[in-house]
Amino acid sequence: MAKKQLEERNVFRYPPYTRLINITVRSRDERLLESASSYLSSRLQQSLGKAVSNPVIPTVSRVRLLHIRTIILKIDISYSIQKMRHLIDNIEQEIKHDTRFKNVSYYYDVDPQ
């Protein structure tokens, strides 16, 4: 049983064979949120390719007037966490310099349970 689950996790790129990073993007303005999350996803896809999902509307898509989108990264376990952090920080700073996206917030969850 456990061997079969590990084989499936390897095929579908889940831990322990990859590192998952959930990026949650939030904003009061839904159009702004769509734009910011799509931009973030496309910038990450330029560097990481298929390891990046497109922005997804979660089951609970709005909390306390904030609309939510999630992006999932499935990073190979051999990829340096420092390089990943540096890449994400650079892209986030690039987005924050764009005045349209100043009211968008980002939350990161590495290896969620």
PDB file of N, CA and C in Angstrom:
ATOM      1  N   MET A   1       0.826  -1.203   0.000  1.00  0.00           N
ATOM      2  CA  MET A   1       0.000   0.000   0.000  1.00  0.00           C
ATOM      3  C   MET A   1       0.867   1.263   0.000  1.00  0.00           C
ATOM      4  N   ALA A   2       1.808   1.332   0.901  1.00  0.00           N
ATOM      5  CA  ALA A   2       2.663   2.519   0.996  1.00  0.00           C
ATOM      6  C   ALA A   2       3.520   2.674  -0.252  1.00  0.00           C
ATOM      7  N   LYS A   3       3.979   1.562  -0.792  1.00  0.00           N
ATOM      8  CA  LYS A   3       4.813   1.614  -1.995  1.00  0.00           C
ATOM      9  C   LYS A   3       4.025   2.186  -3.167  1.00  0.00           C
ATOM     10  N   LYS A   4       2.762   1.790  -3.292  1.00  0.00           N
ATOM     11  CA  LYS A   4       1.910   2.289  -4.372  1.00  0.00           C
ATOM     12  C   LYS A   4       1.667   3.793  -4.223  1.00  0.00           C
ATOM     13  N   GLN A   5       1.430   4.242  -2.988  1.00  0.00           N
ATOM     14  CA  GLN A   5       1.223   5.676  -2.744  1.00  0.00           C
ATOM     15  C   GLN A   5       2.477   6.471  -3.092  1.00  0.00           C
ATOM     16  N   LEU A   6       3.628   5.957  -2.738  1.00  0.00           N
ATOM     17  CA  LEU A   6       4.873   6.653  -3.071  1.00  0.00           C
ATOM     18  C   LEU A   6       5.079   6.720  -4.581  1.00  0.00           C
ATOM     19  N   GLU A   7       4.729   5.668  -5.296  1.00  0.00           N
ATOM     20  CA  GLU A   7       4.834   5.686  -6.754  1.00  0.00           C
ATOM     21  C   GLU A   7       3.909   6.746  -7.349  1.00  0.00           C
ATOM     22  N   GLU A   8       2.676   6.832  -6.831  1.00  0.00           N
ATOM     23  CA  GLU A   8       1.728   7.844  -7.312  1.00  0.00           C
ATOM     24  C   GLU A   8       2.228   9.250  -7.007  1.00  0.00           C
ATOM     25  N   ARG A   9       2.800   9.436  -5.833  1.00  0.00           N
ATOM     26  CA  ARG A   9       3.326  10.756  -5.467  1.00  0.00           C
ATOM     27  C   ARG A   9       4.477  11.154  -6.386  1.00  0.00           C
ATOM     28  N   ASN A  10       5.278  10.198  -6.793  1.00  0.00           N
ATOM     29  CA  ASN A  10       6.368  10.481  -7.715  1.00  0.00           C
ATOM     30  C   ASN A  10       5.819  10.862  -9.086  1.00  0.00           C
ATOM     31  N   VAL A  11       4.826  10.141  -9.570  1.00  0.00           N
ATOM     32  CA  VAL A  11       4.237  10.411 -10.884  1.00  0.00           C
ATOM     33  C   VAL A  11       3.580  11.791 -10.922  1.00  0.00           C
ATOM     34  N   PHE A  12       2.826  12.137  -9.863  1.00  0.00           N
ATOM     35  CA  PHE A  12       2.081  13.403  -9.839  1.00  0.00           C
ATOM     36  C   PHE A  12       2.863  14.552  -9.194  1.00  0.00           C
ATOM     37  N   ARG A  13       4.135  14.308  -8.908  1.00  0.00           N
ATOM     38  CA  ARG A  13       5.038  15.337  -8.372  1.00  0.00           C
ATOM     39  C   ARG A  13       4.545  15.926  -7.060  1.00  0.00           C
ATOM     40  N   TYR A  14       4.441  15.070  -6.062  1.00  0.00           N
ATOM     41  CA  TYR A  14       4.087  15.482  -4.699  1.00  0.00           C
ATOM     42  C   TYR A  14       5.192  15.051  -3.754  1.00  0.00           C
ATOM     43  N   PRO A  15       5.241  15.677  -2.568  1.00  0.00           N
ATOM     44  CA  PRO A  15       6.260  15.273  -1.592  1.00  0.00           C
ATOM     45  C   PRO A  15       6.150  13.780  -1.290  1.00  0.00           C
ATOM     46  N   PRO A  16       7.226  13.137  -1.021  1.00  0.00           N
ATOM     47  CA  PRO A  16       8.568  13.625  -0.715  1.00  0.00           C
ATOM     48  C   PRO A  16       9.465  13.827  -1.934  1.00  0.00           C
ATOM     49  N   TYR A  17       8.922  13.737  -3.154  1.00  0.00           N
ATOM     50  CA  TYR A  17       9.735  13.852  -4.367  1.00  0.00           C
ATOM     51  C   TYR A  17       9.852  15.286  -4.867  1.00  0.00           C
ATOM     52  N   THR A  18       9.000  16.144  -4.411  1.00  0.00           N
ATOM     53  CA  THR A  18       9.060  17.564  -4.767  1.00  0.00           C
ATOM     54  C   THR A  18       8.744  18.405  -3.540  1.00  0.00           C
ATOM     55  N   ARG A  19       9.001  19.678  -3.667  1.00  0.00           N
ATOM     56  CA  ARG A  19       8.669  20.627  -2.611  1.00  0.00           C
ATOM     57  C   ARG A  19       7.491  21.457  -3.117  1.00  0.00           C
ATOM     58  N   LEU A  20       6.445  21.544  -2.314  1.00  0.00           N
ATOM     59  CA  LEU A  20       5.279  22.344  -2.678  1.00  0.00           C
ATOM     60  C   LEU A  20       5.371  23.721  -2.042  1.00  0.00           C
ATOM     61  N   ILE A  21       5.011  24.723  -2.810  1.00  0.00           N
ATOM     62  CA  ILE A  21       4.902  26.084  -2.287  1.00  0.00           C
ATOM     63  C   ILE A  21       3.555  26.627  -2.738  1.00  0.00           C
ATOM     64  N   ASN A  22       2.690  26.942  -1.790  1.00  0.00           N
ATOM     65  CA  ASN A  22       1.405  27.570  -2.088  1.00  0.00           C
ATOM     66  C   ASN A  22       1.566  29.071  -1.951  1.00  0.00           C
ATOM     67  N   ILE A  23       1.215  29.792  -2.986  1.00  0.00           N
ATOM     68  CA  ILE A  23       1.240  31.251  -2.942  1.00  0.00           C
ATOM     69  C   ILE A  23      -0.208  31.715  -2.940  1.00  0.00           C
ATOM     70  N   THR A  24      -0.583  32.449  -1.913  1.00  0.00           N
ATOM     71  CA  THR A  24      -1.929  32.996  -1.813  1.00  0.00           C
ATOM     72  C   THR A  24      -1.850  34.488  -2.099  1.00  0.00           C
ATOM     73  N   VAL A  25      -2.651  34.928  -3.052  1.00  0.00           N
ATOM     74  CA  VAL A  25      -2.675  36.335  -3.457  1.00  0.00           C
ATOM     75  C   VAL A  25      -4.042  36.884  -3.054  1.00  0.00           C
ATOM     76  N   ARG A  26      -4.059  38.049  -2.385  1.00  0.00           N
ATOM     77  CA  ARG A  26      -5.313  38.626  -1.891  1.00  0.00           C
ATOM     78  C   ARG A  26      -5.418  40.103  -2.234  1.00  0.00           C
ATOM     79  N   SER A  27      -6.660  40.517  -2.514  1.00  0.00           N
ATOM     80  CA  SER A  27      -6.942  41.925  -2.782  1.00  0.00           C
ATOM     81  C   SER A  27      -8.434  42.174  -2.650  1.00  0.00           C
ATOM     82  N   ARG A  28      -8.789  43.415  -2.344  1.00  0.00           N
ATOM     83  CA  ARG A  28     -10.206  43.785  -2.274  1.00  0.00           C
ATOM     84  C   ARG A  28     -10.816  43.899  -3.667  1.00  0.00           C
ATOM     85  N   ASP A  29     -10.005  44.261  -4.646  1.00  0.00           N
ATOM     86  CA  ASP A  29     -10.460  44.450  -6.021  1.00  0.00           C
ATOM     87  C   ASP A  29     -10.216  43.166  -6.815  1.00  0.00           C
ATOM     88  N   GLU A  30     -11.294  42.531  -7.254  1.00  0.00           N
ATOM     89  CA  GLU A  30     -11.165  41.236  -7.927  1.00  0.00           C
ATOM     90  C   GLU A  30     -10.447  41.346  -9.272  1.00  0.00           C
ATOM     91  N   ARG A  31     -10.699  42.400 -10.020  1.00  0.00           N
ATOM     92  CA  ARG A  31     -10.007  42.577 -11.314  1.00  0.00           C
ATOM     93  C   ARG A  31      -8.512  42.780 -11.119  1.00  0.00           C
ATOM     94  N   LEU A  32      -8.182  43.575 -10.129  1.00  0.00           N
ATOM     95  CA  LEU A  32      -6.773  43.802  -9.802  1.00  0.00           C
ATOM     96  C   LEU A  32      -6.120  42.493  -9.377  1.00  0.00           C
ATOM     97  N   LEU A  33      -6.824  41.716  -8.580  1.00  0.00           N
ATOM     98  CA  LEU A  33      -6.325  40.426  -8.129  1.00  0.00           C
ATOM     99  C   LEU A  33      -6.065  39.496  -9.308  1.00  0.00           C
ATOM    100  N   GLU A  34      -6.992  39.422 -10.247  1.00  0.00           N
ATOM    101  CA  GLU A  34      -6.817  38.587 -11.442  1.00  0.00           C
ATOM    102  C   GLU A  34      -5.563  39.005 -12.203  1.00  0.00           C
ATOM    103  N   SER A  35      -5.407  40.287 -12.379  1.00  0.00           N
ATOM    104  CA  SER A  35      -4.264  40.811 -13.114  1.00  0.00           C
ATOM    105  C   SER A  35      -2.950  40.498 -12.388  1.00  0.00           C
ATOM    106  N   ALA A  36      -2.900  40.762 -11.092  1.00  0.00           N
ATOM    107  CA  ALA A  36      -1.679  40.544 -10.312  1.00  0.00           C
ATOM    108  C   ALA A  36      -1.316  39.065 -10.233  1.00  0.00           C
ATOM    109  N   SER A  37      -2.306  38.211  -9.984  1.00  0.00           N
ATOM    110  CA  SER A  37      -2.011  36.776  -9.866  1.00  0.00           C
ATOM    111  C   SER A  37      -1.595  36.187 -11.220  1.00  0.00           C
ATOM    112  N   SER A  38      -2.200  36.641 -12.301  1.00  0.00           N
ATOM    113  CA  SER A  38      -1.803  36.166 -13.629  1.00  0.00           C
ATOM    114  C   SER A  38      -0.386  36.618 -13.968  1.00  0.00           C
ATOM    115  N   TYR A  39      -0.070  37.847 -13.612  1.00  0.00           N
ATOM    116  CA  TYR A  39       1.273  38.363 -13.870  1.00  0.00           C
ATOM    117  C   TYR A  39       2.315  37.579 -13.069  1.00  0.00           C
ATOM    118  N   LEU A  40       2.022  37.348 -11.784  1.00  0.00           N
ATOM    119  CA  LEU A  40       2.946  36.587 -10.940  1.00  0.00           C
ATOM    120  C   LEU A  40       3.149  35.181 -11.496  1.00  0.00           C
ATOM    121  N   SER A  41       2.079  34.530 -11.867  1.00  0.00           N
ATOM    122  CA  SER A  41       2.155  33.181 -12.412  1.00  0.00           C
ATOM    123  C   SER A  41       2.966  33.149 -13.714  1.00  0.00           C
ATOM    124  N   SER A  42       2.720  34.090 -14.590  1.00  0.00           N
ATOM    125  CA  SER A  42       3.449  34.099 -15.864  1.00  0.00           C
ATOM    126  C   SER A  42       4.933  34.371 -15.659  1.00  0.00           C
ATOM    127  N   ARG A  43       5.266  35.261 -14.729  1.00  0.00           N
ATOM    128  CA  ARG A  43       6.686  35.547 -14.447  1.00  0.00           C
ATOM    129  C   ARG A  43       7.381  34.320 -13.852  1.00  0.00           C
ATOM    130  N   LEU A  44       6.694  33.609 -12.975  1.00  0.00           N
ATOM    131  CA  LEU A  44       7.269  32.391 -12.406  1.00  0.00           C
ATOM    132  C   LEU A  44       7.401  31.302 -13.469  1.00  0.00           C
ATOM    133  N   GLN A  45       6.426  31.209 -14.368  1.00  0.00           N
ATOM    134  CA  GLN A  45       6.481  30.213 -15.430  1.00  0.00           C
ATOM    135  C   GLN A  45       7.645  30.463 -16.385  1.00  0.00           C
ATOM    136  N   GLN A  46       8.029  31.718 -16.555  1.00  0.00           N
ATOM    137  CA  GLN A  46       9.176  32.023 -17.408  1.00  0.00           C
ATOM    138  C   GLN A  46      10.445  31.388 -16.858  1.00  0.00           C
ATOM    139  N   SER A  47      10.560  31.330 -15.541  1.00  0.00           N
ATOM    140  CA  SER A  47      11.755  30.766 -14.912  1.00  0.00           C
ATOM    141  C   SER A  47      11.628  29.287 -14.587  1.00  0.00           C
ATOM    142  N   LEU A  48      10.415  28.843 -14.221  1.00  0.00           N
ATOM    143  CA  LEU A  48      10.246  27.488 -13.706  1.00  0.00           C
ATOM    144  C   LEU A  48       9.437  26.569 -14.622  1.00  0.00           C
ATOM    145  N   GLY A  49       8.848  27.110 -15.661  1.00  0.00           N
ATOM    146  CA  GLY A  49       8.101  26.297 -16.617  1.00  0.00           C
ATOM    147  C   GLY A  49       6.851  25.663 -16.036  1.00  0.00           C
ATOM    148  N   LYS A  50       6.692  24.368 -16.280  1.00  0.00           N
ATOM    149  CA  LYS A  50       5.487  23.646 -15.893  1.00  0.00           C
ATOM    150  C   LYS A  50       5.365  23.424 -14.389  1.00  0.00           C
ATOM    151  N   ALA A  51       6.367  23.792 -13.629  1.00  0.00           N
ATOM    152  CA  ALA A  51       6.314  23.624 -12.174  1.00  0.00           C
ATOM    153  C   ALA A  51       5.339  24.601 -11.531  1.00  0.00           C
ATOM    154  N   VAL A  52       4.827  25.558 -12.297  1.00  0.00           N
ATOM    155  CA  VAL A  52       3.956  26.609 -11.776  1.00  0.00           C
ATOM    156  C   VAL A  52       2.537  26.420 -12.307  1.00  0.00           C
ATOM    157  N   SER A  53       1.555  26.427 -11.400  1.00  0.00           N
ATOM    158  CA  SER A  53       0.163  26.333 -11.843  1.00  0.00           C
ATOM    159  C   SER A  53      -0.354  27.721 -12.205  1.00  0.00           C
ATOM    160  N   ASN A  54      -1.413  27.754 -12.964  1.00  0.00           N
ATOM    161  CA  ASN A  54      -2.106  29.015 -13.209  1.00  0.00           C
ATOM    162  C   ASN A  54      -2.874  29.395 -11.948  1.00  0.00           C
ATOM    163  N   PRO A  55      -3.208  30.674 -11.774  1.00  0.00           N
ATOM    164  CA  PRO A  55      -3.980  31.068 -10.589  1.00  0.00           C
ATOM    165  C   PRO A  55      -5.322  30.333 -10.537  1.00  0.00           C
ATOM    166  N   VAL A  56      -5.660  29.869  -9.346  1.00  0.00           N
ATOM    167  CA  VAL A  56      -6.877  29.097  -9.137  1.00  0.00           C
ATOM    168  C   VAL A  56      -7.740  29.807  -8.097  1.00  0.00           C
ATOM    169  N   ILE A  57      -9.055  29.781  -8.319  1.00  0.00           N
ATOM    170  CA  ILE A  57      -9.988  30.321  -7.329  1.00  0.00           C
ATOM    171  C   ILE A  57     -10.242  29.212  -6.313  1.00  0.00           C
ATOM    172  N   PRO A  58      -9.856  29.414  -5.047  1.00  0.00           N
ATOM    173  CA  PRO A  58     -10.073  28.368  -4.048  1.00  0.00           C
ATOM    174  C   PRO A  58     -11.551  28.219  -3.689  1.00  0.00           C
ATOM    175  N   THR A  59     -11.876  27.150  -2.973  1.00  0.00           N
ATOM    176  CA  THR A  59     -13.251  26.895  -2.567  1.00  0.00           C
ATOM    177  C   THR A  59     -13.817  28.075  -1.782  1.00  0.00           C
ATOM    178  N   VAL A  60     -13.047  28.570  -0.832  1.00  0.00           N
ATOM    179  CA  VAL A  60     -13.414  29.788  -0.118  1.00  0.00           C
ATOM    180  C   VAL A  60     -12.674  30.919  -0.832  1.00  0.00           C
ATOM    181  N   SER A  61     -13.382  31.636  -1.687  1.00  0.00           N
ATOM    182  CA  SER A  61     -12.722  32.595  -2.569  1.00  0.00           C
ATOM    183  C   SER A  61     -12.732  34.024  -2.050  1.00  0.00           C
ATOM    184  N   ARG A  62     -13.379  34.230  -0.916  1.00  0.00           N
ATOM    185  CA  ARG A  62     -13.436  35.582  -0.366  1.00  0.00           C
ATOM    186  C   ARG A  62     -13.548  35.505   1.148  1.00  0.00           C
ATOM    187  N   VAL A  63     -12.652  36.221   1.841  1.00  0.00           N
ATOM    188  CA  VAL A  63     -12.651  36.259   3.300  1.00  0.00           C
ATOM    189  C   VAL A  63     -12.472  37.703   3.731  1.00  0.00           C
ATOM    190  N   ARG A  64     -13.399  38.192   4.535  1.00  0.00           N
ATOM    191  CA  ARG A  64     -13.328  39.562   5.061  1.00  0.00           C
ATOM    192  C   ARG A  64     -13.077  40.586   3.955  1.00  0.00           C
ATOM    193  N   LEU A  65     -13.876  40.540   2.951  1.00  0.00           N
ATOM    194  CA  LEU A  65     -13.837  41.461   1.810  1.00  0.00           C
ATOM    195  C   LEU A  65     -12.617  41.297   0.910  1.00  0.00           C
ATOM    196  N   LEU A  66     -11.771  40.307   1.172  1.00  0.00           N
ATOM    197  CA  LEU A  66     -10.595  40.081   0.338  1.00  0.00           C
ATOM    198  C   LEU A  66     -10.839  38.896  -0.588  1.00  0.00           C
ATOM    199  N   HIS A  67     -10.682  39.128  -1.882  1.00  0.00           N
ATOM    200  CA  HIS A  67     -10.764  38.059  -2.873  1.00  0.00           C
ATOM    201  C   HIS A  67      -9.439  37.309  -2.842  1.00  0.00           C
ATOM    202  N   ILE A  68      -9.476  36.021  -3.161  1.00  0.00           N
ATOM    203  CA  ILE A  68      -8.293  35.167  -3.016  1.00  0.00           C
ATOM    204  C   ILE A  68      -8.049  34.369  -4.301  1.00  0.00           C
ATOM    205  N   ARG A  69      -6.777  34.223  -4.647  1.00  0.00           N
ATOM    206  CA  ARG A  69      -6.329  33.320  -5.698  1.00  0.00           C
ATOM    207  C   ARG A  69      -5.119  32.563  -5.154  1.00  0.00           C
ATOM    208  N   THR A  70      -4.946  31.332  -5.610  1.00  0.00           N
ATOM    209  CA  THR A  70      -3.786  30.557  -5.183  1.00  0.00           C
ATOM    210  C   THR A  70      -2.994  30.079  -6.398  1.00  0.00           C
ATOM    211  N   ILE A  71      -1.693  30.007  -6.212  1.00  0.00           N
ATOM    212  CA  ILE A  71      -0.773  29.488  -7.215  1.00  0.00           C
ATOM    213  C   ILE A  71       0.059  28.419  -6.516  1.00  0.00           C
ATOM    214  N   ILE A  72       0.204  27.268  -7.145  1.00  0.00           N
ATOM    215  CA  ILE A  72       0.974  26.180  -6.549  1.00  0.00           C
ATOM    216  C   ILE A  72       2.243  25.953  -7.357  1.00  0.00           C
ATOM    217  N   LEU A  73       3.361  25.896  -6.638  1.00  0.00           N
ATOM    218  CA  LEU A  73       4.648  25.572  -7.253  1.00  0.00           C
ATOM    219  C   LEU A  73       5.034  24.164  -6.825  1.00  0.00           C
ATOM    220  N   LYS A  74       5.439  23.327  -7.776  1.00  0.00           N
ATOM    221  CA  LYS A  74       5.949  21.991  -7.481  1.00  0.00           C
ATOM    222  C   LYS A  74       7.409  21.963  -7.918  1.00  0.00           C
ATOM    223  N   ILE A  75       8.281  22.194  -6.966  1.00  0.00           N
ATOM    224  CA  ILE A  75       9.704  22.376  -7.239  1.00  0.00           C
ATOM    225  C   ILE A  75      10.464  21.080  -6.963  1.00  0.00           C
ATOM    226  N   ASP A  76      11.359  20.720  -7.859  1.00  0.00           N
ATOM    227  CA  ASP A  76      12.188  19.540  -7.665  1.00  0.00           C
ATOM    228  C   ASP A  76      12.963  19.677  -6.360  1.00  0.00           C
ATOM    229  N   ILE A  77      13.078  18.586  -5.647  1.00  0.00           N
ATOM    230  CA  ILE A  77      13.723  18.599  -4.326  1.00  0.00           C
ATOM    231  C   ILE A  77      15.192  19.024  -4.406  1.00  0.00           C
ATOM    232  N   SER A  78      15.822  18.843  -5.570  1.00  0.00           N
ATOM    233  CA  SER A  78      17.231  19.198  -5.720  1.00  0.00           C
ATOM    234  C   SER A  78      17.433  20.704  -5.961  1.00  0.00           C
ATOM    235  N   TYR A  79      16.348  21.431  -6.275  1.00  0.00           N
ATOM    236  CA  TYR A  79      16.461  22.869  -6.539  1.00  0.00           C
ATOM    237  C   TYR A  79      16.745  23.599  -5.235  1.00  0.00           C
ATOM    238  N   SER A  80      17.684  24.498  -5.250  1.00  0.00           N
ATOM    239  CA  SER A  80      18.101  25.229  -4.055  1.00  0.00           C
ATOM    240  C   SER A  80      16.973  26.125  -3.529  1.00  0.00           C
ATOM    241  N   ILE A  81      16.687  25.984  -2.253  1.00  0.00           N
ATOM    242  CA  ILE A  81      15.641  26.797  -1.616  1.00  0.00           C
ATOM    243  C   ILE A  81      16.059  28.267  -1.612  1.00  0.00           C
ATOM    244  N   GLN A  82      17.348  28.555  -1.459  1.00  0.00           N
ATOM    245  CA  GLN A  82      17.827  29.938  -1.481  1.00  0.00           C
ATOM    246  C   GLN A  82      17.602  30.573  -2.849  1.00  0.00           C
ATOM    247  N   LYS A  83      17.870  29.820  -3.914  1.00  0.00           N
ATOM    248  CA  LYS A  83      17.636  30.339  -5.262  1.00  0.00           C
ATOM    249  C   LYS A  83      16.144  30.594  -5.482  1.00  0.00           C
ATOM    250  N   MET A  84      15.316  29.676  -4.996  1.00  0.00           N
ATOM    251  CA  MET A  84      13.867  29.834  -5.142  1.00  0.00           C
ATOM    252  C   MET A  84      13.392  31.080  -4.399  1.00  0.00           C
ATOM    253  N   ARG A  85      13.865  31.253  -3.185  1.00  0.00           N
ATOM    254  CA  ARG A  85      13.474  32.420  -2.392  1.00  0.00           C
ATOM    255  C   ARG A  85      13.915  33.715  -3.078  1.00  0.00           C
ATOM    256  N   HIS A  86      15.129  33.711  -3.594  1.00  0.00           N
ATOM    257  CA  HIS A  86      15.654  34.884  -4.289  1.00  0.00           C
ATOM    258  C   HIS A  86      14.812  35.202  -5.530  1.00  0.00           C
ATOM    259  N   LEU A  87      14.455  34.172  -6.304  1.00  0.00           N
ATOM    260  CA  LEU A  87      13.631  34.351  -7.494  1.00  0.00           C
ATOM    261  C   LEU A  87      12.264  34.934  -7.129  1.00  0.00           C
ATOM    262  N   ILE A  88      11.609  34.359  -6.131  1.00  0.00           N
ATOM    263  CA  ILE A  88      10.283  34.841  -5.714  1.00  0.00           C
ATOM    264  C   ILE A  88      10.363  36.255  -5.167  1.00  0.00           C
ATOM    265  N   ASP A  89      11.384  36.541  -4.361  1.00  0.00           N
ATOM    266  CA  ASP A  89      11.555  37.899  -3.818  1.00  0.00           C
ATOM    267  C   ASP A  89      11.736  38.928  -4.928  1.00  0.00           C
ATOM    268  N   ASN A  90      12.548  38.595  -5.939  1.00  0.00           N
ATOM    269  CA  ASN A  90      12.777  39.523  -7.049  1.00  0.00           C
ATOM    270  C   ASN A  90      11.490  39.804  -7.816  1.00  0.00           C
ATOM    271  N   ILE A  91      10.721  38.757  -8.092  1.00  0.00           N
ATOM    272  CA  ILE A  91       9.473  38.938  -8.828  1.00  0.00           C
ATOM    273  C   ILE A  91       8.464  39.726  -7.996  1.00  0.00           C
ATOM    274  N   GLU A  92       8.396  39.435  -6.701  1.00  0.00           N
ATOM    275  CA  GLU A  92       7.469  40.176  -5.833  1.00  0.00           C
ATOM    276  C   GLU A  92       7.852  41.657  -5.768  1.00  0.00           C
ATOM    277  N   GLN A  93       9.134  41.961  -5.672  1.00  0.00           N
ATOM    278  CA  GLN A  93       9.569  43.358  -5.651  1.00  0.00           C
ATOM    279  C   GLN A  93       9.251  44.057  -6.969  1.00  0.00           C
ATOM    280  N   GLU A  94       9.418  43.341  -8.059  1.00  0.00           N
ATOM    281  CA  GLU A  94       9.074  43.888  -9.372  1.00  0.00           C
ATOM    282  C   GLU A  94       7.586  44.242  -9.428  1.00  0.00           C
ATOM    283  N   ILE A  95       6.750  43.369  -8.903  1.00  0.00           N
ATOM    284  CA  ILE A  95       5.305  43.604  -8.889  1.00  0.00           C
ATOM    285  C   ILE A  95       4.957  44.764  -7.969  1.00  0.00           C
ATOM    286  N   LYS A  96       5.603  44.846  -6.817  1.00  0.00           N
ATOM    287  CA  LYS A  96       5.292  45.913  -5.851  1.00  0.00           C
ATOM    288  C   LYS A  96       5.692  47.287  -6.364  1.00  0.00           C
ATOM    289  N   HIS A  97       6.663  47.343  -7.287  1.00  0.00           N
ATOM    290  CA  HIS A  97       7.048  48.629  -7.865  1.00  0.00           C
ATOM    291  C   HIS A  97       6.014  49.144  -8.851  1.00  0.00           C
ATOM    292  N   ASP A  98       5.148  48.272  -9.314  1.00  0.00           N
ATOM    293  CA  ASP A  98       4.054  48.673 -10.192  1.00  0.00           C
ATOM    294  C   ASP A  98       2.945  49.238  -9.309  1.00  0.00           C
ATOM    295  N   THR A  99       2.620  50.495  -9.473  1.00  0.00           N
ATOM    296  CA  THR A  99       1.658  51.166  -8.590  1.00  0.00           C
ATOM    297  C   THR A  99       0.258  50.568  -8.666  1.00  0.00           C
ATOM    298  N   ARG A 100      -0.082  49.902  -9.763  1.00  0.00           N
ATOM    299  CA  ARG A 100      -1.407  49.270  -9.857  1.00  0.00           C
ATOM    300  C   ARG A 100      -1.574  48.180  -8.808  1.00  0.00           C
ATOM    301  N   PHE A 101      -0.491  47.511  -8.449  1.00  0.00           N
ATOM    302  CA  PHE A 101      -0.562  46.351  -7.573  1.00  0.00           C
ATOM    303  C   PHE A 101      -0.204  46.656  -6.120  1.00  0.00           C
ATOM    304  N   LYS A 102      -0.264  47.910  -5.717  1.00  0.00           N
ATOM    305  CA  LYS A 102       0.157  48.244  -4.355  1.00  0.00           C
ATOM    306  C   LYS A 102      -0.792  47.701  -3.290  1.00  0.00           C
ATOM    307  N   ASN A 103      -2.039  47.423  -3.634  1.00  0.00           N
ATOM    308  CA  ASN A 103      -3.005  46.922  -2.659  1.00  0.00           C
ATOM    309  C   ASN A 103      -3.214  45.416  -2.757  1.00  0.00           C
ATOM    310  N   VAL A 104      -2.218  44.716  -3.236  1.00  0.00           N
ATOM    311  CA  VAL A 104      -2.268  43.261  -3.344  1.00  0.00           C
ATOM    312  C   VAL A 104      -1.285  42.685  -2.332  1.00  0.00           C
ATOM    313  N   SER A 105      -1.719  41.644  -1.608  1.00  0.00           N
ATOM    314  CA  SER A 105      -0.819  41.019  -0.631  1.00  0.00           C
ATOM    315  C   SER A 105      -0.541  39.569  -1.029  1.00  0.00           C
ATOM    316  N   TYR A 106       0.630  39.091  -0.609  1.00  0.00           N
ATOM    317  CA  TYR A 106       1.104  37.762  -0.968  1.00  0.00           C
ATOM    318  C   TYR A 106       1.476  36.999   0.298  1.00  0.00           C
ATOM    319  N   TYR A 107       1.077  35.725   0.353  1.00  0.00           N
ATOM    320  CA  TYR A 107       1.414  34.850   1.483  1.00  0.00           C
ATOM    321  C   TYR A 107       1.980  33.557   0.907  1.00  0.00           C
ATOM    322  N   TYR A 108       3.030  33.058   1.545  1.00  0.00           N
ATOM    323  CA  TYR A 108       3.714  31.866   1.053  1.00  0.00           C
ATOM    324  C   TYR A 108       3.649  30.763   2.103  1.00  0.00           C
ATOM    325  N   ASP A 109       3.343  29.553   1.665  1.00  0.00           N
ATOM    326  CA  ASP A 109       3.297  28.393   2.542  1.00  0.00           C
ATOM    327  C   ASP A 109       4.157  27.304   1.900  1.00  0.00           C
ATOM    328  N   VAL A 110       5.310  27.049   2.495  1.00  0.00           N
ATOM    329  CA  VAL A 110       6.237  26.061   1.958  1.00  0.00           C
ATOM    330  C   VAL A 110       5.954  24.710   2.616  1.00  0.00           C
ATOM    331  N   ASP A 111       5.830  23.690   1.794  1.00  0.00           N
ATOM    332  CA  ASP A 111       5.496  22.343   2.239  1.00  0.00           C
ATOM    333  C   ASP A 111       4.268  22.335   3.157  1.00  0.00           C
ATOM    334  N   PRO A 112       3.111  22.741   2.627  1.00  0.00           N
ATOM    335  CA  PRO A 112       1.900  22.770   3.443  1.00  0.00           C
ATOM    336  C   PRO A 112       1.496  21.362   3.881  1.00  0.00           C
ATOM    337  N   GLN A 113       0.823  21.296   5.002  1.00  0.00           N
ATOM    338  CA  GLN A 113       0.382  20.002   5.537  1.00  0.00           C
ATOM    339  C   GLN A 113      -0.939  19.601   4.971  1.00  0.00           C
TER     340      GLN A 113
END
